[in-house]
Structures are given as C-alpha cells and as structure tokens.
Amino acid sequence: MTLLPWEYLWLPFTARNFPDLFNEIWISSVVLLVVLVVLYNLRTRALHRHRVYTDMWEWLLWTGLITFMLAVTGAIFVFDFAVVLVTLVAGLATMVWVRFRRYPPLFEAYEQQLARQRYVSRQKASRPEATIRSRGSRRRRR
C-alpha cells in the first residue's frame, strides 16, 4: 500500500492496481452467477405450487444477476473500484434483505394459510356424507 485507503477507491479496477482482488472478484462473480441460476431452476421446479417461495427465488435471481453481471462488467470495462465495491455491497445487501427480512413474514402467513386449508379439508373428509354423492344431485347434473 503506497496510497491512503480512500485513494484506492478512485483507481481503475484492474489486475495491475488490485492484484489480490481483481481475479477473485470477477471469477467468484461468474461462479456465484452460475450457482444462482442452477439453484433458481432447482428450487422453482421443486416449489412450483408455492407462489411465495418462487417469488423469493425470482427476487434472488434478478438481484444476483444484476449484481454479479455488473461486477464482471466492471472488471471488463475497467470501472473505478468504488463503482464495483458499491455494486457488490448494494447487491449482496439486497439479497440478504430479501431472504431474511422481506419474505419470512410472508412465509409464516402462507404456512398458516396452508394449515387452515389442511384443517378444513380434514374436517370435510371426516364426515362420511361429504364423500358420498346423493342420488338427487346426480339427477340434477344431467
């Protein structure tokens, strides 16, 4: 380090100026982007009937896509280090906020809704009359 710490923020983000960070940031951005796309595909296929969970994964996908693509773009087009740093911090903070602040209350409400539905369906199925159709209702349908 030959400069003051805040002076590094306005240097171009290159391998020459940041030999210990440059390759690690752009390679990890590409790897995390691939992992995020794979996880999104796996989780949305598994949870396709649960809209709240797929919405969360869509938020995470788009936030990660924007964040990691901007980090790679910053490395390719030699942005200032401050731009790359702000992009990564804002994107990762948004992903953490989505996962741990925005969606947990929605998950709880959705789980309560599912529990009510299970209770009501169990109540209906516990009465034998609920599963047997009467003769009068068949005649009316024809």
C-alpha atoms as a PDB file:
ATOM      1  CA  MET A   1       0.000   0.000   0.000  1.00  0.00           C
ATOM      2  CA  THR A   2       1.516   3.231  -1.125  1.00  0.00           C
ATOM      3  CA  LEU A   3      -1.660   5.349  -1.125  1.00  0.00           C
ATOM      4  CA  LEU A   4      -4.162   6.248   1.535  1.00  0.00           C
ATOM      5  CA  PRO A   5      -7.050   3.744   1.720  1.00  0.00           C
ATOM      6  CA  TRP A   6      -9.692   6.108   0.276  1.00  0.00           C
ATOM      7  CA  GLU A   7      -7.460   6.942  -2.678  1.00  0.00           C
ATOM      8  CA  TYR A   8      -7.733   3.343  -3.885  1.00  0.00           C
ATOM      9  CA  LEU A   9     -11.458   3.837  -4.432  1.00  0.00           C
ATOM     10  CA  TRP A  10     -10.850   6.047  -7.477  1.00  0.00           C
ATOM     11  CA  LEU A  11      -8.276   3.846  -9.184  1.00  0.00           C
ATOM     12  CA  PRO A  12      -9.376   1.755 -12.174  1.00  0.00           C
ATOM     13  CA  PHE A  13     -10.303  -1.783 -11.191  1.00  0.00           C
ATOM     14  CA  THR A  14      -7.555  -3.719 -12.989  1.00  0.00           C
ATOM     15  CA  ALA A  15      -5.295  -6.637 -12.172  1.00  0.00           C
ATOM     16  CA  ARG A  16      -2.363  -4.234 -12.014  1.00  0.00           C
ATOM     17  CA  ASN A  17      -3.939  -1.901  -9.425  1.00  0.00           C
ATOM     18  CA  PHE A  18      -5.639  -4.643  -7.389  1.00  0.00           C
ATOM     19  CA  PRO A  19      -3.626  -7.844  -7.859  1.00  0.00           C
ATOM     20  CA  ASP A  20      -5.087  -9.520  -4.769  1.00  0.00           C
ATOM     21  CA  LEU A  21      -8.757  -8.704  -5.530  1.00  0.00           C
ATOM     22  CA  PHE A  22      -9.243  -8.485  -9.269  1.00  0.00           C
ATOM     23  CA  ASN A  23      -9.258 -12.167 -10.282  1.00  0.00           C
ATOM     24  CA  GLU A  24     -11.015 -13.248  -7.097  1.00  0.00           C
ATOM     25  CA  ILE A  25     -13.894 -10.822  -7.626  1.00  0.00           C
ATOM     26  CA  TRP A  26     -14.630 -11.496 -11.277  1.00  0.00           C
ATOM     27  CA  ILE A  27     -14.146 -15.282 -11.006  1.00  0.00           C
ATOM     28  CA  SER A  28     -16.304 -15.526  -7.882  1.00  0.00           C
ATOM     29  CA  SER A  29     -18.959 -13.378  -9.580  1.00  0.00           C
ATOM     30  CA  VAL A  30     -19.135 -15.763 -12.526  1.00  0.00           C
ATOM     31  CA  VAL A  31     -19.212 -18.818 -10.246  1.00  0.00           C
ATOM     32  CA  LEU A  32     -21.898 -17.317  -7.990  1.00  0.00           C
ATOM     33  CA  LEU A  33     -23.949 -16.370 -11.019  1.00  0.00           C
ATOM     34  CA  VAL A  34     -23.865 -19.937 -12.328  1.00  0.00           C
ATOM     35  CA  VAL A  35     -24.694 -21.340  -8.870  1.00  0.00           C
ATOM     36  CA  LEU A  36     -27.576 -18.900  -8.511  1.00  0.00           C
ATOM     37  CA  VAL A  37     -29.090 -19.852 -11.875  1.00  0.00           C
ATOM     38  CA  VAL A  38     -28.797 -23.575 -11.068  1.00  0.00           C
ATOM     39  CA  LEU A  39     -30.349 -23.096  -7.608  1.00  0.00           C
ATOM     40  CA  TYR A  40     -33.145 -20.998  -9.073  1.00  0.00           C
ATOM     41  CA  ASN A  41     -34.010 -23.720 -11.581  1.00  0.00           C
ATOM     42  CA  LEU A  42     -33.897 -26.491  -8.993  1.00  0.00           C
ATOM     43  CA  ARG A  43     -35.886 -24.669  -6.324  1.00  0.00           C
ATOM     44  CA  THR A  44     -38.575 -23.277  -8.616  1.00  0.00           C
ATOM     45  CA  ARG A  45     -39.179 -26.728 -10.082  1.00  0.00           C
ATOM     46  CA  ALA A  46     -39.461 -28.226  -6.619  1.00  0.00           C
ATOM     47  CA  LEU A  47     -41.686 -25.424  -5.288  1.00  0.00           C
ATOM     48  CA  HIS A  48     -43.735 -24.628  -8.386  1.00  0.00           C
ATOM     49  CA  ARG A  49     -47.023 -24.905  -6.469  1.00  0.00           C
ATOM     50  CA  HIS A  50     -45.959 -22.459  -3.767  1.00  0.00           C
ATOM     51  CA  ARG A  51     -46.047 -18.969  -5.231  1.00  0.00           C
ATOM     52  CA  VAL A  52     -44.421 -17.227  -2.241  1.00  0.00           C
ATOM     53  CA  TYR A  53     -41.298 -19.363  -2.461  1.00  0.00           C
ATOM     54  CA  THR A  54     -40.935 -18.985  -6.212  1.00  0.00           C
ATOM     55  CA  ASP A  55     -41.358 -15.219  -5.849  1.00  0.00           C
ATOM     56  CA  MET A  56     -38.484 -15.133  -3.376  1.00  0.00           C
ATOM     57  CA  TRP A  57     -36.261 -17.121  -5.721  1.00  0.00           C
ATOM     58  CA  GLU A  58     -37.133 -14.778  -8.549  1.00  0.00           C
ATOM     59  CA  TRP A  59     -36.109 -11.794  -6.435  1.00  0.00           C
ATOM     60  CA  LEU A  60     -32.828 -13.523  -5.596  1.00  0.00           C
ATOM     61  CA  LEU A  61     -32.217 -14.457  -9.227  1.00  0.00           C
ATOM     62  CA  TRP A  62     -32.695 -10.980 -10.633  1.00  0.00           C
ATOM     63  CA  THR A  63     -30.776  -9.279  -7.827  1.00  0.00           C
ATOM     64  CA  GLY A  64     -27.889 -11.712  -8.194  1.00  0.00           C
ATOM     65  CA  LEU A  65     -27.951 -11.496 -11.979  1.00  0.00           C
ATOM     66  CA  ILE A  66     -27.711  -7.708 -11.886  1.00  0.00           C
ATOM     67  CA  THR A  67     -25.078  -7.641  -9.133  1.00  0.00           C
ATOM     68  CA  PHE A  68     -22.748 -10.287 -10.496  1.00  0.00           C
ATOM     69  CA  MET A  69     -23.061  -9.194 -14.117  1.00  0.00           C
ATOM     70  CA  LEU A  70     -22.230  -5.611 -13.109  1.00  0.00           C
ATOM     71  CA  ALA A  71     -19.187  -6.856 -11.189  1.00  0.00           C
ATOM     72  CA  VAL A  72     -17.947  -8.749 -14.246  1.00  0.00           C
ATOM     73  CA  THR A  73     -18.741  -5.765 -16.470  1.00  0.00           C
ATOM     74  CA  GLY A  74     -16.810  -3.506 -14.114  1.00  0.00           C
ATOM     75  CA  ALA A  75     -13.804  -5.782 -14.399  1.00  0.00           C
ATOM     76  CA  ILE A  76     -14.024  -5.969 -18.199  1.00  0.00           C
ATOM     77  CA  PHE A  77     -14.585  -2.266 -18.832  1.00  0.00           C
ATOM     78  CA  VAL A  78     -12.241  -1.052 -16.071  1.00  0.00           C
ATOM     79  CA  PHE A  79     -14.646   0.865 -13.836  1.00  0.00           C
ATOM     80  CA  ASP A  80     -13.358   2.643 -10.747  1.00  0.00           C
ATOM     81  CA  PHE A  81     -13.050   0.365  -7.752  1.00  0.00           C
ATOM     82  CA  ALA A  82     -15.675   2.445  -5.893  1.00  0.00           C
ATOM     83  CA  VAL A  83     -18.294   1.574  -8.518  1.00  0.00           C
ATOM     84  CA  VAL A  84     -17.534  -2.142  -8.297  1.00  0.00           C
ATOM     85  CA  LEU A  85     -17.486  -2.024  -4.491  1.00  0.00           C
ATOM     86  CA  VAL A  86     -20.790  -0.140  -4.231  1.00  0.00           C
ATOM     87  CA  THR A  87     -22.389  -2.527  -6.730  1.00  0.00           C
ATOM     88  CA  LEU A  88     -21.316  -5.605  -4.784  1.00  0.00           C
ATOM     89  CA  VAL A  89     -22.261  -4.203  -1.380  1.00  0.00           C
ATOM     90  CA  ALA A  90     -25.676  -2.965  -2.548  1.00  0.00           C
ATOM     91  CA  GLY A  91     -26.480  -6.173  -4.428  1.00  0.00           C
ATOM     92  CA  LEU A  92     -25.432  -8.526  -1.648  1.00  0.00           C
ATOM     93  CA  ALA A  93     -27.249  -6.394   0.948  1.00  0.00           C
ATOM     94  CA  THR A  94     -30.402  -6.557  -1.171  1.00  0.00           C
ATOM     95  CA  MET A  95     -30.123 -10.336  -1.439  1.00  0.00           C
ATOM     96  CA  VAL A  96     -29.726 -10.648   2.340  1.00  0.00           C
ATOM     97  CA  TRP A  97     -32.673  -8.283   2.900  1.00  0.00           C
ATOM     98  CA  VAL A  98     -34.900 -10.277   0.541  1.00  0.00           C
ATOM     99  CA  ARG A  99     -34.050 -13.608   2.117  1.00  0.00           C
ATOM    100  CA  PHE A 100     -34.076 -12.643   5.798  1.00  0.00           C
ATOM    101  CA  ARG A 101     -36.337  -9.564   6.131  1.00  0.00           C
ATOM    102  CA  ARG A 102     -38.862  -9.356   3.302  1.00  0.00           C
ATOM    103  CA  TYR A 103     -40.016 -12.942   2.876  1.00  0.00           C
ATOM    104  CA  PRO A 104     -40.046 -14.600   6.359  1.00  0.00           C
ATOM    105  CA  PRO A 105     -43.299 -12.840   7.394  1.00  0.00           C
ATOM    106  CA  LEU A 106     -44.840 -13.876   4.076  1.00  0.00           C
ATOM    107  CA  PHE A 107     -43.682 -17.461   4.654  1.00  0.00           C
ATOM    108  CA  GLU A 108     -45.338 -17.512   8.088  1.00  0.00           C
ATOM    109  CA  ALA A 109     -48.626 -16.206   6.711  1.00  0.00           C
ATOM    110  CA  TYR A 110     -48.513 -18.734   3.869  1.00  0.00           C
ATOM    111  CA  GLU A 111     -47.834 -21.607   6.272  1.00  0.00           C
ATOM    112  CA  GLN A 112     -50.808 -20.534   8.417  1.00  0.00           C
ATOM    113  CA  GLN A 113     -52.968 -20.442   5.293  1.00  0.00           C
ATOM    114  CA  LEU A 114     -51.843 -23.975   4.365  1.00  0.00           C
ATOM    115  CA  ALA A 115     -52.535 -25.186   7.911  1.00  0.00           C
ATOM    116  CA  ARG A 116     -56.083 -23.752   7.741  1.00  0.00           C
ATOM    117  CA  GLN A 117     -56.661 -25.447   4.392  1.00  0.00           C
ATOM    118  CA  ARG A 118     -55.444 -28.782   5.739  1.00  0.00           C
ATOM    119  CA  TYR A 119     -57.701 -28.423   8.793  1.00  0.00           C
ATOM    120  CA  VAL A 120     -60.768 -27.618   6.704  1.00  0.00           C
ATOM    121  CA  SER A 121     -60.136 -30.467   4.267  1.00  0.00           C
ATOM    122  CA  ARG A 122     -59.615 -32.858   7.187  1.00  0.00           C
ATOM    123  CA  GLN A 123     -62.896 -31.704   8.721  1.00  0.00           C
ATOM    124  CA  LYS A 124     -64.751 -32.280   5.453  1.00  0.00           C
ATOM    125  CA  ALA A 125     -63.215 -35.712   4.930  1.00  0.00           C
ATOM    126  CA  SER A 126     -64.014 -36.800   8.488  1.00  0.00           C
ATOM    127  CA  ARG A 127     -67.766 -36.834   7.700  1.00  0.00           C
ATOM    128  CA  PRO A 128     -68.694 -39.790   5.507  1.00  0.00           C
ATOM    129  CA  GLU A 129     -71.518 -37.834   3.892  1.00  0.00           C
ATOM    130  CA  ALA A 130     -69.006 -35.450   2.408  1.00  0.00           C
ATOM    131  CA  THR A 131     -67.550 -38.140   0.164  1.00  0.00           C
ATOM    132  CA  ILE A 132     -70.844 -39.723  -0.942  1.00  0.00           C
ATOM    133  CA  ARG A 133     -72.906 -38.053  -3.606  1.00  0.00           C
ATOM    134  CA  SER A 134     -76.659 -38.268  -3.153  1.00  0.00           C
ATOM    135  CA  ARG A 135     -78.940 -39.532  -5.920  1.00  0.00           C
ATOM    136  CA  GLY A 136     -80.693 -36.218  -6.217  1.00  0.00           C
ATOM    137  CA  SER A 137     -77.507 -34.337  -7.017  1.00  0.00           C
ATOM    138  CA  ARG A 138     -76.653 -36.763  -9.847  1.00  0.00           C
ATOM    139  CA  ARG A 139     -80.027 -36.277 -11.482  1.00  0.00           C
ATOM    140  CA  ARG A 140     -79.720 -32.524 -11.368  1.00  0.00           C
ATOM    141  CA  ARG A 141     -76.370 -32.565 -13.155  1.00  0.00           C
ATOM    142  CA  ARG A 142     -77.749 -34.394 -16.222  1.00  0.00           C
END
